[in-house]
């Protein structure tokens, strides 16, 4: 089992280094066995499957989702979940649901949105609300994932208004 895990890590690292930006935009690895990105292309889903990704979590609001995504994920032998994170309607339930997904899904897992902005905002909220990480550390992680200033402001305002 130990050697199998080492092989998976080496394989994922190799695939990570060679992933084409256009097929897996803004690909990051904020934690062991957790990857984040913008919207993968159909070739990107194949690359994810080759990397050993078992689960894909889409955090885009439903109206922004690619309608054929679930089919592409399943066609590449991965499991698909949707956990919408809308900066105009941030709620504690979506952060808690994300926490449960991250904890319970088969890994390695990819969490994505269109650019990394929604993922970065949700990651920031998750780290502060669920994992009780210091705001500065969670903010830096969210920015590295792709959180933009507007999302940063929305999540900070939500936290300041008593979401904790």
C-alpha atoms as a PDB file:
ATOM      1  CA  UNK A   1       0.000   0.000   0.000  1.00  0.00           C
ATOM      2  CA  UNK A   2       2.861   2.358   0.874  1.00  0.00           C
ATOM      3  CA  UNK A   3       4.453   1.900  -2.558  1.00  0.00           C
ATOM      4  CA  UNK A   4       1.118   2.326  -4.314  1.00  0.00           C
ATOM      5  CA  UNK A   5       0.618   5.692  -2.586  1.00  0.00           C
ATOM      6  CA  UNK A   6       4.158   6.785  -3.497  1.00  0.00           C
ATOM      7  CA  UNK A   7       3.461   5.825  -7.104  1.00  0.00           C
ATOM      8  CA  UNK A   8       0.211   7.824  -7.099  1.00  0.00           C
ATOM      9  CA  UNK A   9       1.995  10.886  -5.678  1.00  0.00           C
ATOM     10  CA  UNK A  10       4.797  10.644  -8.263  1.00  0.00           C
ATOM     11  CA  UNK A  11       2.282  10.128 -11.070  1.00  0.00           C
ATOM     12  CA  UNK A  12       0.131  13.059  -9.934  1.00  0.00           C
ATOM     13  CA  UNK A  13       3.167  15.305  -9.544  1.00  0.00           C
ATOM     14  CA  UNK A  14       4.346  14.444 -13.047  1.00  0.00           C
ATOM     15  CA  UNK A  15       0.925  15.070 -14.531  1.00  0.00           C
ATOM     16  CA  UNK A  16       0.634  18.294 -12.525  1.00  0.00           C
ATOM     17  CA  UNK A  17       3.906  19.602 -13.958  1.00  0.00           C
ATOM     18  CA  UNK A  18       2.919  18.828 -17.528  1.00  0.00           C
ATOM     19  CA  UNK A  19      -0.739  19.869 -17.409  1.00  0.00           C
ATOM     20  CA  UNK A  20      -1.448  22.335 -20.190  1.00  0.00           C
ATOM     21  CA  UNK A  21      -2.735  25.675 -18.902  1.00  0.00           C
ATOM     22  CA  UNK A  22      -5.524  25.737 -21.479  1.00  0.00           C
ATOM     23  CA  UNK A  23      -6.914  22.314 -20.497  1.00  0.00           C
ATOM     24  CA  UNK A  24      -6.531  22.665 -16.712  1.00  0.00           C
ATOM     25  CA  UNK A  25      -6.363  26.414 -16.101  1.00  0.00           C
ATOM     26  CA  UNK A  26      -4.927  27.651 -12.821  1.00  0.00           C
ATOM     27  CA  UNK A  27      -4.185  24.141 -11.531  1.00  0.00           C
ATOM     28  CA  UNK A  28      -3.050  24.235  -7.883  1.00  0.00           C
ATOM     29  CA  UNK A  29      -2.582  21.795  -5.031  1.00  0.00           C
ATOM     30  CA  UNK A  30      -3.419  23.533  -1.731  1.00  0.00           C
ATOM     31  CA  UNK A  31      -3.266  20.299   0.229  1.00  0.00           C
ATOM     32  CA  UNK A  32      -2.192  16.691  -0.163  1.00  0.00           C
ATOM     33  CA  UNK A  33      -4.648  14.923  -2.519  1.00  0.00           C
ATOM     34  CA  UNK A  34      -6.694  18.131  -3.029  1.00  0.00           C
ATOM     35  CA  UNK A  35      -6.319  20.009  -6.312  1.00  0.00           C
ATOM     36  CA  UNK A  36      -8.071  23.172  -7.493  1.00  0.00           C
ATOM     37  CA  UNK A  37      -8.478  24.723 -10.920  1.00  0.00           C
ATOM     38  CA  UNK A  38     -10.536  26.742 -13.314  1.00  0.00           C
ATOM     39  CA  UNK A  39     -12.928  25.006 -15.747  1.00  0.00           C
ATOM     40  CA  UNK A  40     -11.280  21.923 -17.266  1.00  0.00           C
ATOM     41  CA  UNK A  41     -11.752  21.219 -20.957  1.00  0.00           C
ATOM     42  CA  UNK A  42     -12.794  17.781 -22.151  1.00  0.00           C
ATOM     43  CA  UNK A  43      -9.072  17.008 -22.689  1.00  0.00           C
ATOM     44  CA  UNK A  44      -8.519  18.332 -19.159  1.00  0.00           C
ATOM     45  CA  UNK A  45     -10.933  15.755 -17.728  1.00  0.00           C
ATOM     46  CA  UNK A  46      -8.963  13.041 -19.474  1.00  0.00           C
ATOM     47  CA  UNK A  47      -5.746  14.475 -17.991  1.00  0.00           C
ATOM     48  CA  UNK A  48      -7.361  14.469 -14.540  1.00  0.00           C
ATOM     49  CA  UNK A  49      -8.295  10.836 -14.942  1.00  0.00           C
ATOM     50  CA  UNK A  50      -4.697  10.085 -15.973  1.00  0.00           C
ATOM     51  CA  UNK A  51      -3.497  11.937 -12.853  1.00  0.00           C
ATOM     52  CA  UNK A  52      -5.580   9.594 -10.733  1.00  0.00           C
ATOM     53  CA  UNK A  53      -8.249  12.114  -9.713  1.00  0.00           C
ATOM     54  CA  UNK A  54     -11.212  10.161  -8.342  1.00  0.00           C
ATOM     55  CA  UNK A  55     -13.688  12.966  -7.609  1.00  0.00           C
ATOM     56  CA  UNK A  56     -14.576  16.337  -9.161  1.00  0.00           C
ATOM     57  CA  UNK A  57     -16.398  19.014  -7.159  1.00  0.00           C
ATOM     58  CA  UNK A  58     -17.795  21.946  -9.151  1.00  0.00           C
ATOM     59  CA  UNK A  59     -18.426  25.019  -6.970  1.00  0.00           C
ATOM     60  CA  UNK A  60     -19.913  27.277  -9.647  1.00  0.00           C
ATOM     61  CA  UNK A  61     -23.450  28.586  -9.151  1.00  0.00           C
ATOM     62  CA  UNK A  62     -25.817  26.335 -11.116  1.00  0.00           C
ATOM     63  CA  UNK A  63     -26.551  28.935 -13.821  1.00  0.00           C
ATOM     64  CA  UNK A  64     -22.808  29.142 -14.629  1.00  0.00           C
ATOM     65  CA  UNK A  65     -22.132  25.392 -14.879  1.00  0.00           C
ATOM     66  CA  UNK A  66     -21.154  23.644 -18.083  1.00  0.00           C
ATOM     67  CA  UNK A  67     -24.267  21.537 -18.843  1.00  0.00           C
ATOM     68  CA  UNK A  68     -22.245  18.576 -20.154  1.00  0.00           C
ATOM     69  CA  UNK A  69     -19.747  18.464 -17.317  1.00  0.00           C
ATOM     70  CA  UNK A  70     -21.293  15.650 -15.267  1.00  0.00           C
ATOM     71  CA  UNK A  71     -21.288  13.438 -18.381  1.00  0.00           C
ATOM     72  CA  UNK A  72     -17.617  14.251 -19.143  1.00  0.00           C
ATOM     73  CA  UNK A  73     -16.575  13.509 -15.560  1.00  0.00           C
ATOM     74  CA  UNK A  74     -18.433  10.197 -15.453  1.00  0.00           C
ATOM     75  CA  UNK A  75     -17.095   9.247 -18.915  1.00  0.00           C
ATOM     76  CA  UNK A  76     -13.604   9.602 -17.428  1.00  0.00           C
ATOM     77  CA  UNK A  77     -14.432   7.277 -14.504  1.00  0.00           C
ATOM     78  CA  UNK A  78     -14.616   9.980 -11.859  1.00  0.00           C
ATOM     79  CA  UNK A  79     -17.421  10.915  -9.460  1.00  0.00           C
ATOM     80  CA  UNK A  80     -19.083  14.327  -9.847  1.00  0.00           C
ATOM     81  CA  UNK A  81     -20.497  16.629  -7.167  1.00  0.00           C
ATOM     82  CA  UNK A  82     -21.894  20.142  -7.374  1.00  0.00           C
ATOM     83  CA  UNK A  83     -21.534  22.482  -4.389  1.00  0.00           C
ATOM     84  CA  UNK A  84     -22.503  25.977  -5.605  1.00  0.00           C
ATOM     85  CA  UNK A  85     -20.698  28.912  -4.014  1.00  0.00           C
ATOM     86  CA  UNK A  86     -22.237  32.217  -5.038  1.00  0.00           C
ATOM     87  CA  UNK A  87     -20.516  35.403  -3.790  1.00  0.00           C
ATOM     88  CA  UNK A  88     -23.881  37.189  -3.958  1.00  0.00           C
ATOM     89  CA  UNK A  89     -25.488  34.624  -1.685  1.00  0.00           C
ATOM     90  CA  UNK A  90     -22.782  33.216   0.606  1.00  0.00           C
ATOM     91  CA  UNK A  91     -24.216  30.931   3.239  1.00  0.00           C
ATOM     92  CA  UNK A  92     -22.885  28.799   6.029  1.00  0.00           C
ATOM     93  CA  UNK A  93     -24.626  25.687   4.676  1.00  0.00           C
ATOM     94  CA  UNK A  94     -22.608  25.663   1.438  1.00  0.00           C
ATOM     95  CA  UNK A  95     -19.351  25.934   3.433  1.00  0.00           C
ATOM     96  CA  UNK A  96     -20.429  23.108   5.772  1.00  0.00           C
ATOM     97  CA  UNK A  97     -21.541  20.976   2.799  1.00  0.00           C
ATOM     98  CA  UNK A  98     -18.142  21.604   1.162  1.00  0.00           C
ATOM     99  CA  UNK A  99     -16.404  20.579   4.388  1.00  0.00           C
ATOM    100  CA  UNK A 100     -18.311  17.296   4.454  1.00  0.00           C
ATOM    101  CA  UNK A 101     -17.555  16.648   0.794  1.00  0.00           C
ATOM    102  CA  UNK A 102     -13.829  17.322   1.203  1.00  0.00           C
ATOM    103  CA  UNK A 103     -13.736  15.060   4.237  1.00  0.00           C
ATOM    104  CA  UNK A 104     -15.723  12.163   2.747  1.00  0.00           C
ATOM    105  CA  UNK A 105     -15.134  12.003  -1.019  1.00  0.00           C
ATOM    106  CA  UNK A 106     -12.699   9.578  -2.547  1.00  0.00           C
ATOM    107  CA  UNK A 107      -9.376  11.285  -3.139  1.00  0.00           C
ATOM    108  CA  UNK A 108      -7.497  12.635  -4.967  1.00  0.00           C
ATOM    109  CA  UNK A 109     -10.122  15.312  -5.632  1.00  0.00           C
ATOM    110  CA  UNK A 110     -10.331  18.330  -7.920  1.00  0.00           C
ATOM    111  CA  UNK A 111     -12.358  21.343  -6.786  1.00  0.00           C
ATOM    112  CA  UNK A 112     -13.032  23.770  -9.633  1.00  0.00           C
ATOM    113  CA  UNK A 113     -14.988  26.762 -10.866  1.00  0.00           C
ATOM    114  CA  UNK A 114     -14.440  28.751 -14.063  1.00  0.00           C
ATOM    115  CA  UNK A 115     -11.182  30.504 -13.065  1.00  0.00           C
ATOM    116  CA  UNK A 116     -10.319  29.643  -9.443  1.00  0.00           C
ATOM    117  CA  UNK A 117     -12.100  32.681  -7.994  1.00  0.00           C
ATOM    118  CA  UNK A 118     -15.083  30.819  -6.488  1.00  0.00           C
ATOM    119  CA  UNK A 119     -12.827  27.989  -5.301  1.00  0.00           C
ATOM    120  CA  UNK A 120     -10.481  30.499  -3.649  1.00  0.00           C
ATOM    121  CA  UNK A 121     -13.381  32.221  -1.889  1.00  0.00           C
ATOM    122  CA  UNK A 122     -14.897  28.957  -0.717  1.00  0.00           C
ATOM    123  CA  UNK A 123     -11.483  27.662   0.404  1.00  0.00           C
ATOM    124  CA  UNK A 124     -10.937  30.858   2.412  1.00  0.00           C
ATOM    125  CA  UNK A 125     -14.365  30.529   4.084  1.00  0.00           C
ATOM    126  CA  UNK A 126     -13.806  26.814   4.757  1.00  0.00           C
ATOM    127  CA  UNK A 127     -10.382  27.350   6.278  1.00  0.00           C
ATOM    128  CA  UNK A 128     -11.588  30.152   8.586  1.00  0.00           C
ATOM    129  CA  UNK A 129     -15.060  28.854   9.463  1.00  0.00           C
ATOM    130  CA  UNK A 130     -14.455  25.093   9.669  1.00  0.00           C
ATOM    131  CA  UNK A 131     -10.732  24.640  10.266  1.00  0.00           C
ATOM    132  CA  UNK A 132     -10.326  27.823  12.364  1.00  0.00           C
ATOM    133  CA  UNK A 133      -7.237  28.853  10.372  1.00  0.00           C
ATOM    134  CA  UNK A 134      -5.896  32.362  10.932  1.00  0.00           C
ATOM    135  CA  UNK A 135      -7.521  34.801   8.491  1.00  0.00           C
ATOM    136  CA  UNK A 136      -4.168  35.886   7.042  1.00  0.00           C
ATOM    137  CA  UNK A 137      -3.150  32.308   6.197  1.00  0.00           C
ATOM    138  CA  UNK A 138      -6.569  31.446   4.762  1.00  0.00           C
ATOM    139  CA  UNK A 139      -6.530  34.675   2.722  1.00  0.00           C
ATOM    140  CA  UNK A 140      -3.127  33.859   1.229  1.00  0.00           C
ATOM    141  CA  UNK A 141      -4.278  30.339   0.351  1.00  0.00           C
ATOM    142  CA  UNK A 142      -7.456  31.676  -1.267  1.00  0.00           C
ATOM    143  CA  UNK A 143      -5.464  34.190  -3.316  1.00  0.00           C
ATOM    144  CA  UNK A 144      -3.023  31.522  -4.457  1.00  0.00           C
ATOM    145  CA  UNK A 145      -5.944  29.380  -5.614  1.00  0.00           C
ATOM    146  CA  UNK A 146      -7.367  32.291  -7.618  1.00  0.00           C
ATOM    147  CA  UNK A 147      -9.577  34.419  -5.364  1.00  0.00           C
ATOM    148  CA  UNK A 148      -9.984  37.897  -6.844  1.00  0.00           C
ATOM    149  CA  UNK A 149     -10.439  41.148  -4.865  1.00  0.00           C
ATOM    150  CA  UNK A 150     -14.241  41.239  -5.346  1.00  0.00           C
ATOM    151  CA  UNK A 151     -14.600  37.705  -3.960  1.00  0.00           C
ATOM    152  CA  UNK A 152     -12.175  38.511  -1.161  1.00  0.00           C
ATOM    153  CA  UNK A 153     -14.310  41.498  -0.174  1.00  0.00           C
ATOM    154  CA  UNK A 154     -17.554  39.477  -0.353  1.00  0.00           C
ATOM    155  CA  UNK A 155     -16.202  36.670   1.832  1.00  0.00           C
ATOM    156  CA  UNK A 156     -14.614  39.048   4.360  1.00  0.00           C
ATOM    157  CA  UNK A 157     -17.882  40.998   4.616  1.00  0.00           C
ATOM    158  CA  UNK A 158     -19.837  37.760   5.099  1.00  0.00           C
ATOM    159  CA  UNK A 159     -17.467  36.648   7.869  1.00  0.00           C
ATOM    160  CA  UNK A 160     -17.610  40.083   9.523  1.00  0.00           C
ATOM    161  CA  UNK A 161     -21.416  39.928   9.588  1.00  0.00           C
ATOM    162  CA  UNK A 162     -21.517  37.025  12.008  1.00  0.00           C
ATOM    163  CA  UNK A 163     -21.139  33.865   9.947  1.00  0.00           C
ATOM    164  CA  UNK A 164     -18.734  32.441  12.522  1.00  0.00           C
END
